[in-house]
Amino acid sequence: MQKVNVLGTEYTIIDKTEKEDERLKKHDGYCDSSTKTIVLLKYEDDPMNKEDMSYFRKQILRHEIIHAFLSESGLEACGNSFGGSWALNEEMVDWIAIQAPKLFAAFSEVDAIELPTHTITCKTEVDVESIAEGIRKAILKETIRQKDTLVSTKYRGIPIGEMSRWQLIEALEECNKVLCRIK
């Protein structure tokens, strides 16, 4: 089960089949701001003949995350023009979700964006899963008392298996600072 931080609110990302959730019979996914949940359709077969279902899932996930951001910004219930909230307009949300990677690339290309220190950017493709696994192993070496409790006060008591990749990277940076002080 994945989690994503949306403006300080944690949303849980869940994959379900149509049998598990009736709403997925009409949609590929949805964002429920009341439960802070993003639900994505887990296809049991490939009815749309998509060659790259992973890429398609990422598109849907981006779309639903945009809905979560708009909701957490207070825009879900605003904008009474056009008979409802403009933040719920599917075409507008799709445009943002589809263009976001291109916008991010353009911003990065001309150094028009400040990234958090725990964000890794790279022009080449990297295997994020193996990086995350390396980080998990490094953090395990820097634990006290229990194998799933970090030295870091910020992350003390949080099981490593429940941390996002970015939290793991940040925790590793903190562990590295501790090691540098010890040495």
N, C-alpha and C. Protein backbone atom coordinates (compact mmCIF):
# COMPACT_ATOMS: atom_id res chain seq x y z
N MET A 1 0.84 -1.16 0.00
CA MET A 1 0.00 0.00 0.00
C MET A 1 0.90 1.25 0.00
N GLN A 2 0.69 2.10 -0.99
CA GLN A 2 1.47 3.33 -1.08
C GLN A 2 0.77 4.45 -0.33
N LYS A 3 1.57 5.45 0.03
CA LYS A 3 1.05 6.67 0.63
C LYS A 3 1.71 7.84 -0.06
N VAL A 4 0.99 8.97 -0.12
CA VAL A 4 1.55 10.17 -0.74
C VAL A 4 1.18 11.36 0.13
N ASN A 5 2.14 12.26 0.31
CA ASN A 5 1.92 13.47 1.09
C ASN A 5 1.34 14.53 0.16
N VAL A 6 0.15 14.99 0.47
CA VAL A 6 -0.52 16.02 -0.32
C VAL A 6 -0.71 17.24 0.57
N LEU A 7 0.18 18.21 0.43
CA LEU A 7 0.12 19.44 1.21
C LEU A 7 0.00 19.17 2.71
N GLY A 8 0.75 18.18 3.18
CA GLY A 8 0.77 17.86 4.60
C GLY A 8 -0.24 16.82 5.04
N THR A 9 -1.09 16.39 4.14
CA THR A 9 -2.09 15.36 4.45
C THR A 9 -1.70 14.08 3.74
N GLU A 10 -1.67 12.99 4.48
CA GLU A 10 -1.29 11.71 3.90
C GLU A 10 -2.49 11.02 3.26
N TYR A 11 -2.35 10.70 1.99
CA TYR A 11 -3.37 9.95 1.25
C TYR A 11 -2.85 8.53 1.04
N THR A 12 -3.73 7.57 1.20
CA THR A 12 -3.40 6.17 0.96
C THR A 12 -3.84 5.81 -0.45
N ILE A 13 -2.95 5.13 -1.17
CA ILE A 13 -3.24 4.70 -2.54
C ILE A 13 -3.55 3.21 -2.52
N ILE A 14 -4.72 2.86 -3.02
CA ILE A 14 -5.18 1.46 -2.98
C ILE A 14 -5.56 1.02 -4.39
N ASP A 15 -5.20 -0.19 -4.74
CA ASP A 15 -5.62 -0.80 -6.00
C ASP A 15 -6.75 -1.77 -5.69
N LYS A 16 -7.86 -1.64 -6.43
CA LYS A 16 -9.00 -2.54 -6.24
C LYS A 16 -9.55 -2.96 -7.60
N THR A 17 -10.22 -4.09 -7.60
CA THR A 17 -10.89 -4.55 -8.82
C THR A 17 -12.31 -3.98 -8.84
N GLU A 18 -12.98 -4.12 -9.97
CA GLU A 18 -14.38 -3.68 -10.09
C GLU A 18 -15.27 -4.45 -9.11
N LYS A 19 -14.92 -5.71 -8.88
CA LYS A 19 -15.71 -6.53 -7.94
C LYS A 19 -15.59 -6.01 -6.51
N GLU A 20 -14.43 -5.46 -6.18
CA GLU A 20 -14.20 -4.95 -4.83
C GLU A 20 -14.79 -3.56 -4.60
N ASP A 21 -15.00 -2.81 -5.69
CA ASP A 21 -15.49 -1.44 -5.56
C ASP A 21 -16.35 -1.09 -6.77
N GLU A 22 -17.63 -0.95 -6.54
CA GLU A 22 -18.61 -0.66 -7.61
C GLU A 22 -18.28 0.61 -8.40
N ARG A 23 -17.69 1.63 -7.72
CA ARG A 23 -17.40 2.89 -8.40
C ARG A 23 -16.41 2.72 -9.54
N LEU A 24 -15.62 1.65 -9.49
CA LEU A 24 -14.61 1.43 -10.51
C LEU A 24 -15.18 0.82 -11.79
N LYS A 25 -16.48 0.53 -11.82
CA LYS A 25 -17.11 0.04 -13.04
C LYS A 25 -17.23 1.15 -14.06
N LYS A 26 -17.25 2.42 -13.58
CA LYS A 26 -17.39 3.56 -14.48
C LYS A 26 -16.13 4.41 -14.57
N HIS A 27 -15.17 4.17 -13.69
CA HIS A 27 -13.97 5.01 -13.64
C HIS A 27 -12.72 4.15 -13.47
N ASP A 28 -11.58 4.69 -13.94
CA ASP A 28 -10.30 4.00 -13.76
C ASP A 28 -9.71 4.26 -12.38
N GLY A 29 -10.26 5.24 -11.70
CA GLY A 29 -9.80 5.56 -10.36
C GLY A 29 -10.60 6.72 -9.82
N TYR A 30 -10.43 6.99 -8.53
CA TYR A 30 -11.09 8.15 -7.92
C TYR A 30 -10.32 8.57 -6.68
N CYS A 31 -10.56 9.81 -6.29
CA CYS A 31 -9.96 10.38 -5.09
C CYS A 31 -11.09 10.67 -4.12
N ASP A 32 -11.01 10.11 -2.94
CA ASP A 32 -12.02 10.36 -1.91
C ASP A 32 -11.38 11.25 -0.85
N SER A 33 -11.68 12.55 -0.93
CA SER A 33 -11.07 13.50 0.01
C SER A 33 -11.59 13.32 1.42
N SER A 34 -12.75 12.68 1.60
CA SER A 34 -13.29 12.48 2.94
C SER A 34 -12.52 11.41 3.71
N THR A 35 -12.00 10.41 2.99
CA THR A 35 -11.23 9.34 3.64
C THR A 35 -9.74 9.44 3.36
N LYS A 36 -9.36 10.46 2.58
CA LYS A 36 -7.95 10.67 2.20
C LYS A 36 -7.40 9.42 1.53
N THR A 37 -8.17 8.97 0.52
CA THR A 37 -7.83 7.74 -0.19
C THR A 37 -7.89 7.98 -1.70
N ILE A 38 -6.92 7.41 -2.38
CA ILE A 38 -6.93 7.36 -3.84
C ILE A 38 -7.07 5.90 -4.22
N VAL A 39 -8.10 5.59 -4.98
CA VAL A 39 -8.36 4.20 -5.38
C VAL A 39 -8.16 4.08 -6.88
N LEU A 40 -7.35 3.10 -7.28
CA LEU A 40 -7.08 2.87 -8.69
C LEU A 40 -7.62 1.50 -9.10
N LEU A 41 -8.14 1.43 -10.31
CA LEU A 41 -8.66 0.17 -10.83
C LEU A 41 -7.51 -0.79 -11.10
N LYS A 42 -7.61 -1.95 -10.48
CA LYS A 42 -6.65 -3.03 -10.72
C LYS A 42 -7.28 -3.92 -11.78
N TYR A 43 -6.76 -3.82 -12.99
CA TYR A 43 -7.33 -4.55 -14.11
C TYR A 43 -7.06 -6.03 -13.98
N GLU A 44 -8.11 -6.82 -14.12
CA GLU A 44 -7.96 -8.27 -14.09
C GLU A 44 -7.61 -8.78 -15.48
N ASP A 45 -7.97 -8.01 -16.49
CA ASP A 45 -7.55 -8.28 -17.85
C ASP A 45 -7.27 -6.92 -18.49
N ASP A 46 -6.94 -6.90 -19.75
CA ASP A 46 -6.60 -5.64 -20.41
C ASP A 46 -7.65 -5.32 -21.46
N PRO A 47 -8.76 -4.69 -21.04
CA PRO A 47 -9.85 -4.44 -21.98
C PRO A 47 -9.55 -3.35 -23.00
N MET A 48 -8.53 -2.54 -22.76
CA MET A 48 -8.25 -1.43 -23.66
C MET A 48 -7.06 -1.70 -24.58
N ASN A 49 -6.53 -2.89 -24.50
CA ASN A 49 -5.38 -3.28 -25.32
C ASN A 49 -4.21 -2.31 -25.16
N LYS A 50 -3.94 -1.90 -23.95
CA LYS A 50 -2.80 -1.03 -23.67
C LYS A 50 -1.57 -1.92 -23.56
N GLU A 51 -0.53 -1.56 -24.26
CA GLU A 51 0.70 -2.34 -24.18
C GLU A 51 1.45 -2.08 -22.89
N ASP A 52 1.36 -0.84 -22.39
CA ASP A 52 2.09 -0.48 -21.19
C ASP A 52 1.11 -0.07 -20.10
N MET A 53 0.58 -1.05 -19.39
CA MET A 53 -0.40 -0.77 -18.34
C MET A 53 0.25 -0.01 -17.18
N SER A 54 1.52 -0.19 -16.96
CA SER A 54 2.23 0.54 -15.91
C SER A 54 2.20 2.04 -16.19
N TYR A 55 2.46 2.41 -17.44
CA TYR A 55 2.42 3.83 -17.84
C TYR A 55 0.99 4.37 -17.68
N PHE A 56 0.01 3.58 -18.08
CA PHE A 56 -1.39 3.99 -17.99
C PHE A 56 -1.79 4.20 -16.52
N ARG A 57 -1.35 3.29 -15.64
CA ARG A 57 -1.64 3.42 -14.20
C ARG A 57 -1.04 4.71 -13.66
N LYS A 58 0.18 5.04 -14.09
CA LYS A 58 0.83 6.27 -13.63
C LYS A 58 0.03 7.50 -14.06
N GLN A 59 -0.52 7.47 -15.26
CA GLN A 59 -1.36 8.59 -15.72
C GLN A 59 -2.58 8.75 -14.82
N ILE A 60 -3.22 7.64 -14.51
CA ILE A 60 -4.41 7.68 -13.66
C ILE A 60 -4.02 8.17 -12.26
N LEU A 61 -2.92 7.67 -11.74
CA LEU A 61 -2.47 8.06 -10.41
C LEU A 61 -2.17 9.57 -10.36
N ARG A 62 -1.48 10.10 -11.38
CA ARG A 62 -1.23 11.55 -11.43
C ARG A 62 -2.54 12.32 -11.42
N HIS A 63 -3.49 11.87 -12.22
CA HIS A 63 -4.80 12.53 -12.30
C HIS A 63 -5.46 12.59 -10.92
N GLU A 64 -5.49 11.47 -10.22
CA GLU A 64 -6.14 11.42 -8.91
C GLU A 64 -5.36 12.23 -7.86
N ILE A 65 -4.05 12.28 -7.97
CA ILE A 65 -3.25 13.10 -7.06
C ILE A 65 -3.55 14.58 -7.28
N ILE A 66 -3.78 14.98 -8.53
CA ILE A 66 -4.16 16.36 -8.82
C ILE A 66 -5.49 16.67 -8.11
N HIS A 67 -6.45 15.74 -8.18
CA HIS A 67 -7.71 15.94 -7.46
C HIS A 67 -7.44 16.13 -5.97
N ALA A 68 -6.53 15.32 -5.40
CA ALA A 68 -6.23 15.43 -3.97
C ALA A 68 -5.62 16.80 -3.65
N PHE A 69 -4.70 17.27 -4.49
CA PHE A 69 -4.10 18.59 -4.27
C PHE A 69 -5.15 19.69 -4.33
N LEU A 70 -6.03 19.63 -5.30
CA LEU A 70 -7.08 20.64 -5.42
C LEU A 70 -8.00 20.60 -4.20
N SER A 71 -8.30 19.40 -3.74
CA SER A 71 -9.15 19.28 -2.56
C SER A 71 -8.47 19.84 -1.33
N GLU A 72 -7.22 19.45 -1.11
CA GLU A 72 -6.48 19.91 0.07
C GLU A 72 -6.21 21.41 0.01
N SER A 73 -6.26 21.99 -1.17
CA SER A 73 -6.09 23.43 -1.32
C SER A 73 -7.38 24.19 -1.03
N GLY A 74 -8.46 23.45 -0.82
CA GLY A 74 -9.75 24.07 -0.56
C GLY A 74 -10.52 24.42 -1.81
N LEU A 75 -10.07 23.91 -2.95
CA LEU A 75 -10.70 24.27 -4.21
C LEU A 75 -11.80 23.31 -4.66
N GLU A 76 -11.89 22.17 -4.01
CA GLU A 76 -12.89 21.18 -4.39
C GLU A 76 -14.31 21.73 -4.23
N ALA A 77 -14.52 22.54 -3.21
CA ALA A 77 -15.86 23.06 -2.94
C ALA A 77 -16.03 24.50 -3.41
N CYS A 78 -15.05 25.02 -4.11
CA CYS A 78 -15.10 26.42 -4.53
C CYS A 78 -15.41 26.53 -6.01
N GLY A 79 -15.54 27.76 -6.46
CA GLY A 79 -15.71 28.01 -7.89
C GLY A 79 -17.04 27.57 -8.41
N ASN A 80 -18.09 28.22 -8.01
CA ASN A 80 -19.44 27.82 -8.40
C ASN A 80 -19.80 28.14 -9.84
N SER A 81 -18.86 28.64 -10.61
CA SER A 81 -19.17 28.91 -12.02
C SER A 81 -19.32 27.59 -12.76
N PHE A 82 -19.99 27.61 -13.85
CA PHE A 82 -20.22 26.44 -14.71
C PHE A 82 -20.99 25.33 -13.99
N GLY A 83 -21.79 25.68 -12.99
CA GLY A 83 -22.64 24.69 -12.34
C GLY A 83 -21.93 23.80 -11.35
N GLY A 84 -20.71 24.08 -11.01
CA GLY A 84 -20.00 23.27 -10.03
C GLY A 84 -18.58 23.76 -9.87
N SER A 85 -17.83 23.07 -9.10
CA SER A 85 -16.46 23.46 -8.83
C SER A 85 -15.58 23.23 -10.06
N TRP A 86 -14.85 24.26 -10.47
CA TRP A 86 -13.94 24.11 -11.60
C TRP A 86 -12.84 23.10 -11.25
N ALA A 87 -12.56 22.93 -9.97
CA ALA A 87 -11.51 21.99 -9.55
C ALA A 87 -11.91 20.54 -9.77
N LEU A 88 -13.19 20.29 -10.00
CA LEU A 88 -13.65 18.94 -10.28
C LEU A 88 -13.79 18.67 -11.78
N ASN A 89 -13.50 19.67 -12.60
CA ASN A 89 -13.61 19.52 -14.04
C ASN A 89 -12.56 18.51 -14.53
N GLU A 90 -13.02 17.41 -15.06
CA GLU A 90 -12.12 16.31 -15.44
C GLU A 90 -11.12 16.71 -16.54
N GLU A 91 -11.56 17.52 -17.50
CA GLU A 91 -10.65 17.93 -18.58
C GLU A 91 -9.51 18.77 -18.04
N MET A 92 -9.83 19.68 -17.10
CA MET A 92 -8.81 20.53 -16.51
C MET A 92 -7.82 19.70 -15.68
N VAL A 93 -8.36 18.78 -14.90
CA VAL A 93 -7.50 17.92 -14.09
C VAL A 93 -6.63 17.05 -14.99
N ASP A 94 -7.21 16.51 -16.07
CA ASP A 94 -6.43 15.71 -17.03
C ASP A 94 -5.30 16.54 -17.62
N TRP A 95 -5.60 17.79 -18.00
CA TRP A 95 -4.57 18.62 -18.61
C TRP A 95 -3.39 18.78 -17.66
N ILE A 96 -3.67 19.09 -16.40
CA ILE A 96 -2.59 19.26 -15.42
C ILE A 96 -1.82 17.95 -15.27
N ALA A 97 -2.53 16.83 -15.12
CA ALA A 97 -1.89 15.54 -14.91
C ALA A 97 -1.03 15.12 -16.10
N ILE A 98 -1.51 15.38 -17.30
CA ILE A 98 -0.76 15.00 -18.51
C ILE A 98 0.43 15.92 -18.73
N GLN A 99 0.26 17.20 -18.46
CA GLN A 99 1.34 18.17 -18.72
C GLN A 99 2.34 18.29 -17.58
N ALA A 100 2.01 17.82 -16.39
CA ALA A 100 2.89 17.99 -15.23
C ALA A 100 4.33 17.50 -15.47
N PRO A 101 4.53 16.30 -16.03
CA PRO A 101 5.92 15.87 -16.26
C PRO A 101 6.66 16.80 -17.23
N LYS A 102 5.95 17.30 -18.23
CA LYS A 102 6.57 18.20 -19.20
C LYS A 102 6.87 19.56 -18.55
N LEU A 103 5.95 20.04 -17.73
CA LEU A 103 6.17 21.29 -17.00
C LEU A 103 7.38 21.14 -16.08
N PHE A 104 7.43 20.05 -15.34
CA PHE A 104 8.54 19.81 -14.43
C PHE A 104 9.87 19.75 -15.19
N ALA A 105 9.88 19.05 -16.33
CA ALA A 105 11.10 18.97 -17.14
C ALA A 105 11.53 20.35 -17.63
N ALA A 106 10.58 21.15 -18.08
CA ALA A 106 10.91 22.51 -18.56
C ALA A 106 11.45 23.36 -17.41
N PHE A 107 10.81 23.31 -16.26
CA PHE A 107 11.28 24.08 -15.10
C PHE A 107 12.70 23.66 -14.73
N SER A 108 12.94 22.34 -14.71
CA SER A 108 14.26 21.82 -14.34
C SER A 108 15.32 22.23 -15.35
N GLU A 109 14.97 22.19 -16.62
CA GLU A 109 15.91 22.50 -17.69
C GLU A 109 16.49 23.91 -17.57
N VAL A 110 15.68 24.86 -17.11
CA VAL A 110 16.15 26.24 -17.03
C VAL A 110 16.36 26.68 -15.58
N ASP A 111 16.46 25.70 -14.67
CA ASP A 111 16.71 25.97 -13.26
C ASP A 111 15.68 26.95 -12.68
N ALA A 112 14.41 26.70 -12.99
CA ALA A 112 13.33 27.55 -12.51
C ALA A 112 12.55 26.90 -11.38
N ILE A 113 13.14 25.88 -10.75
CA ILE A 113 12.45 25.20 -9.67
C ILE A 113 13.47 24.82 -8.61
N GLU A 114 13.08 25.01 -7.35
CA GLU A 114 13.92 24.62 -6.22
C GLU A 114 13.39 23.30 -5.69
N LEU A 115 14.21 22.27 -5.71
CA LEU A 115 13.78 20.97 -5.24
C LEU A 115 14.18 20.79 -3.78
N PRO A 116 13.36 20.07 -3.00
CA PRO A 116 13.77 19.77 -1.63
C PRO A 116 15.07 18.99 -1.63
N THR A 117 15.84 19.11 -0.56
CA THR A 117 17.15 18.45 -0.51
C THR A 117 17.06 16.94 -0.63
N HIS A 118 15.94 16.34 -0.25
CA HIS A 118 15.82 14.89 -0.32
C HIS A 118 15.37 14.39 -1.69
N THR A 119 15.15 15.29 -2.64
CA THR A 119 14.71 14.89 -3.97
C THR A 119 15.93 14.64 -4.85
N ILE A 120 15.91 13.53 -5.53
CA ILE A 120 17.00 13.20 -6.44
C ILE A 120 16.53 13.45 -7.86
N THR A 121 17.29 14.26 -8.60
CA THR A 121 16.98 14.44 -10.02
C THR A 121 18.16 13.93 -10.81
N CYS A 122 17.86 13.36 -11.93
CA CYS A 122 18.91 12.75 -12.73
C CYS A 122 18.44 12.73 -14.18
N LYS A 123 19.35 13.02 -15.11
CA LYS A 123 18.98 13.01 -16.52
C LYS A 123 18.95 11.58 -17.08
N THR A 124 19.54 10.64 -16.35
CA THR A 124 19.53 9.26 -16.81
C THR A 124 18.50 8.47 -15.99
N GLU A 125 18.09 7.34 -16.52
CA GLU A 125 17.14 6.51 -15.81
C GLU A 125 17.84 5.79 -14.67
N VAL A 126 17.17 5.68 -13.54
CA VAL A 126 17.72 4.97 -12.40
C VAL A 126 16.71 3.95 -11.92
N ASP A 127 17.22 2.92 -11.27
CA ASP A 127 16.35 1.90 -10.69
C ASP A 127 16.02 2.33 -9.27
N VAL A 128 14.89 3.02 -9.11
CA VAL A 128 14.50 3.59 -7.83
C VAL A 128 14.30 2.50 -6.79
N GLU A 129 13.77 1.36 -7.18
CA GLU A 129 13.54 0.29 -6.22
C GLU A 129 14.85 -0.21 -5.61
N SER A 130 15.91 -0.36 -6.43
CA SER A 130 17.17 -0.83 -5.86
C SER A 130 17.82 0.26 -5.01
N ILE A 131 17.61 1.53 -5.37
CA ILE A 131 18.11 2.62 -4.52
C ILE A 131 17.39 2.59 -3.18
N ALA A 132 16.06 2.44 -3.22
CA ALA A 132 15.28 2.38 -1.98
C ALA A 132 15.72 1.20 -1.12
N GLU A 133 15.99 0.07 -1.74
CA GLU A 133 16.44 -1.11 -0.98
C GLU A 133 17.80 -0.85 -0.34
N GLY A 134 18.71 -0.19 -1.08
CA GLY A 134 20.01 0.17 -0.52
C GLY A 134 19.86 1.12 0.66
N ILE A 135 18.93 2.04 0.54
CA ILE A 135 18.67 2.99 1.64
C ILE A 135 18.13 2.24 2.84
N ARG A 136 17.20 1.33 2.62
CA ARG A 136 16.64 0.54 3.73
C ARG A 136 17.76 -0.20 4.47
N LYS A 137 18.66 -0.83 3.71
CA LYS A 137 19.76 -1.58 4.32
C LYS A 137 20.68 -0.66 5.11
N ALA A 138 20.98 0.51 4.54
CA ALA A 138 21.85 1.46 5.24
C ALA A 138 21.20 1.96 6.52
N ILE A 139 19.91 2.20 6.48
CA ILE A 139 19.21 2.69 7.67
C ILE A 139 19.17 1.60 8.73
N LEU A 140 18.98 0.36 8.32
CA LEU A 140 18.95 -0.73 9.30
C LEU A 140 20.26 -0.80 10.09
N LYS A 141 21.37 -0.44 9.46
CA LYS A 141 22.66 -0.46 10.15
C LYS A 141 22.75 0.63 11.20
N GLU A 142 21.94 1.67 11.05
CA GLU A 142 21.98 2.82 11.95
C GLU A 142 20.78 2.84 12.89
N THR A 143 20.39 1.70 13.40
CA THR A 143 19.24 1.66 14.29
C THR A 143 19.67 1.38 15.72
N ILE A 144 18.79 1.69 16.64
CA ILE A 144 19.03 1.37 18.05
C ILE A 144 17.85 0.57 18.56
N ARG A 145 18.08 -0.23 19.59
CA ARG A 145 17.07 -1.05 20.25
C ARG A 145 16.39 -2.03 19.30
N GLN A 146 15.52 -1.54 18.41
CA GLN A 146 14.79 -2.42 17.50
C GLN A 146 15.29 -2.20 16.09
N LYS A 147 15.17 -3.20 15.26
CA LYS A 147 15.65 -3.08 13.89
C LYS A 147 14.77 -2.20 13.01
N ASP A 148 13.61 -1.82 13.50
CA ASP A 148 12.76 -0.98 12.66
C ASP A 148 12.60 0.43 13.23
N THR A 149 13.46 0.83 14.16
CA THR A 149 13.39 2.16 14.75
C THR A 149 14.65 2.92 14.38
N LEU A 150 14.49 4.10 13.84
CA LEU A 150 15.63 4.88 13.38
C LEU A 150 16.28 5.66 14.50
N VAL A 151 17.56 5.99 14.32
CA VAL A 151 18.28 6.86 15.23
C VAL A 151 17.65 8.25 15.18
N SER A 152 17.28 8.68 14.02
CA SER A 152 16.73 10.01 13.80
C SER A 152 15.53 10.28 14.70
N THR A 153 15.52 11.43 15.36
CA THR A 153 14.38 11.76 16.20
C THR A 153 13.14 12.02 15.36
N LYS A 154 13.32 12.55 14.16
CA LYS A 154 12.18 12.83 13.29
C LYS A 154 11.44 11.56 12.91
N TYR A 155 12.18 10.47 12.71
CA TYR A 155 11.57 9.23 12.25
C TYR A 155 11.59 8.13 13.30
N ARG A 156 11.94 8.44 14.54
CA ARG A 156 12.01 7.42 15.59
C ARG A 156 10.63 6.79 15.77
N GLY A 157 10.59 5.49 15.76
CA GLY A 157 9.34 4.77 15.98
C GLY A 157 8.53 4.47 14.74
N ILE A 158 8.93 5.01 13.59
CA ILE A 158 8.19 4.74 12.36
C ILE A 158 8.78 3.49 11.71
N PRO A 159 7.99 2.45 11.52
CA PRO A 159 8.53 1.25 10.87
C PRO A 159 9.03 1.57 9.47
N ILE A 160 10.18 1.08 9.13
CA ILE A 160 10.80 1.36 7.84
C ILE A 160 9.89 0.94 6.69
N GLY A 161 9.21 -0.16 6.85
CA GLY A 161 8.33 -0.65 5.79
C GLY A 161 7.16 0.28 5.48
N GLU A 162 6.84 1.20 6.40
CA GLU A 162 5.74 2.13 6.19
C GLU A 162 6.21 3.49 5.67
N MET A 163 7.51 3.68 5.51
CA MET A 163 8.03 4.96 5.05
C MET A 163 8.04 5.03 3.53
N SER A 164 7.81 6.24 3.00
CA SER A 164 7.89 6.44 1.56
C SER A 164 9.36 6.47 1.16
N ARG A 165 9.63 6.38 -0.14
CA ARG A 165 11.01 6.44 -0.63
C ARG A 165 11.67 7.75 -0.20
N TRP A 166 10.91 8.84 -0.28
CA TRP A 166 11.50 10.15 0.05
C TRP A 166 11.78 10.26 1.53
N GLN A 167 10.94 9.66 2.36
CA GLN A 167 11.22 9.64 3.80
C GLN A 167 12.47 8.81 4.07
N LEU A 168 12.62 7.69 3.35
CA LEU A 168 13.81 6.86 3.52
C LEU A 168 15.07 7.63 3.13
N ILE A 169 15.00 8.36 2.03
CA ILE A 169 16.16 9.14 1.58
C ILE A 169 16.50 10.19 2.63
N GLU A 170 15.49 10.90 3.12
CA GLU A 170 15.73 11.93 4.13
C GLU A 170 16.29 11.31 5.40
N ALA A 171 15.76 10.15 5.80
CA ALA A 171 16.25 9.48 7.00
C ALA A 171 17.70 9.04 6.82
N LEU A 172 18.04 8.56 5.63
CA LEU A 172 19.41 8.17 5.35
C LEU A 172 20.35 9.38 5.45
N GLU A 173 19.89 10.52 4.93
CA GLU A 173 20.69 11.74 5.04
C GLU A 173 20.94 12.09 6.50
N GLU A 174 19.90 11.94 7.35
CA GLU A 174 20.04 12.22 8.77
C GLU A 174 21.00 11.23 9.42
N CYS A 175 20.88 9.94 9.07
CA CYS A 175 21.79 8.94 9.62
C CYS A 175 23.23 9.24 9.21
N ASN A 176 23.42 9.68 7.98
CA ASN A 176 24.75 10.02 7.49
C ASN A 176 25.34 11.18 8.30
N LYS A 177 24.52 12.18 8.63
CA LYS A 177 24.98 13.30 9.45
C LYS A 177 25.42 12.82 10.82
N VAL A 178 24.66 11.88 11.40
CA VAL A 178 25.00 11.32 12.71
C VAL A 178 26.35 10.60 12.61
N LEU A 179 26.54 9.81 11.57
CA LEU A 179 27.80 9.10 11.38
C LEU A 179 28.97 10.06 11.25
N CYS A 180 28.76 11.15 10.50
CA CYS A 180 29.83 12.12 10.32
C CYS A 180 30.21 12.77 11.65
N ARG A 181 29.23 13.01 12.51
CA ARG A 181 29.53 13.60 13.82
C ARG A 181 30.29 12.61 14.69
N ILE A 182 29.94 11.32 14.59
CA ILE A 182 30.59 10.29 15.41
C ILE A 182 32.03 10.10 15.00
N LYS A 183 32.27 10.10 13.67
CA LYS A 183 33.62 9.88 13.15
C LYS A 183 34.42 11.12 13.40
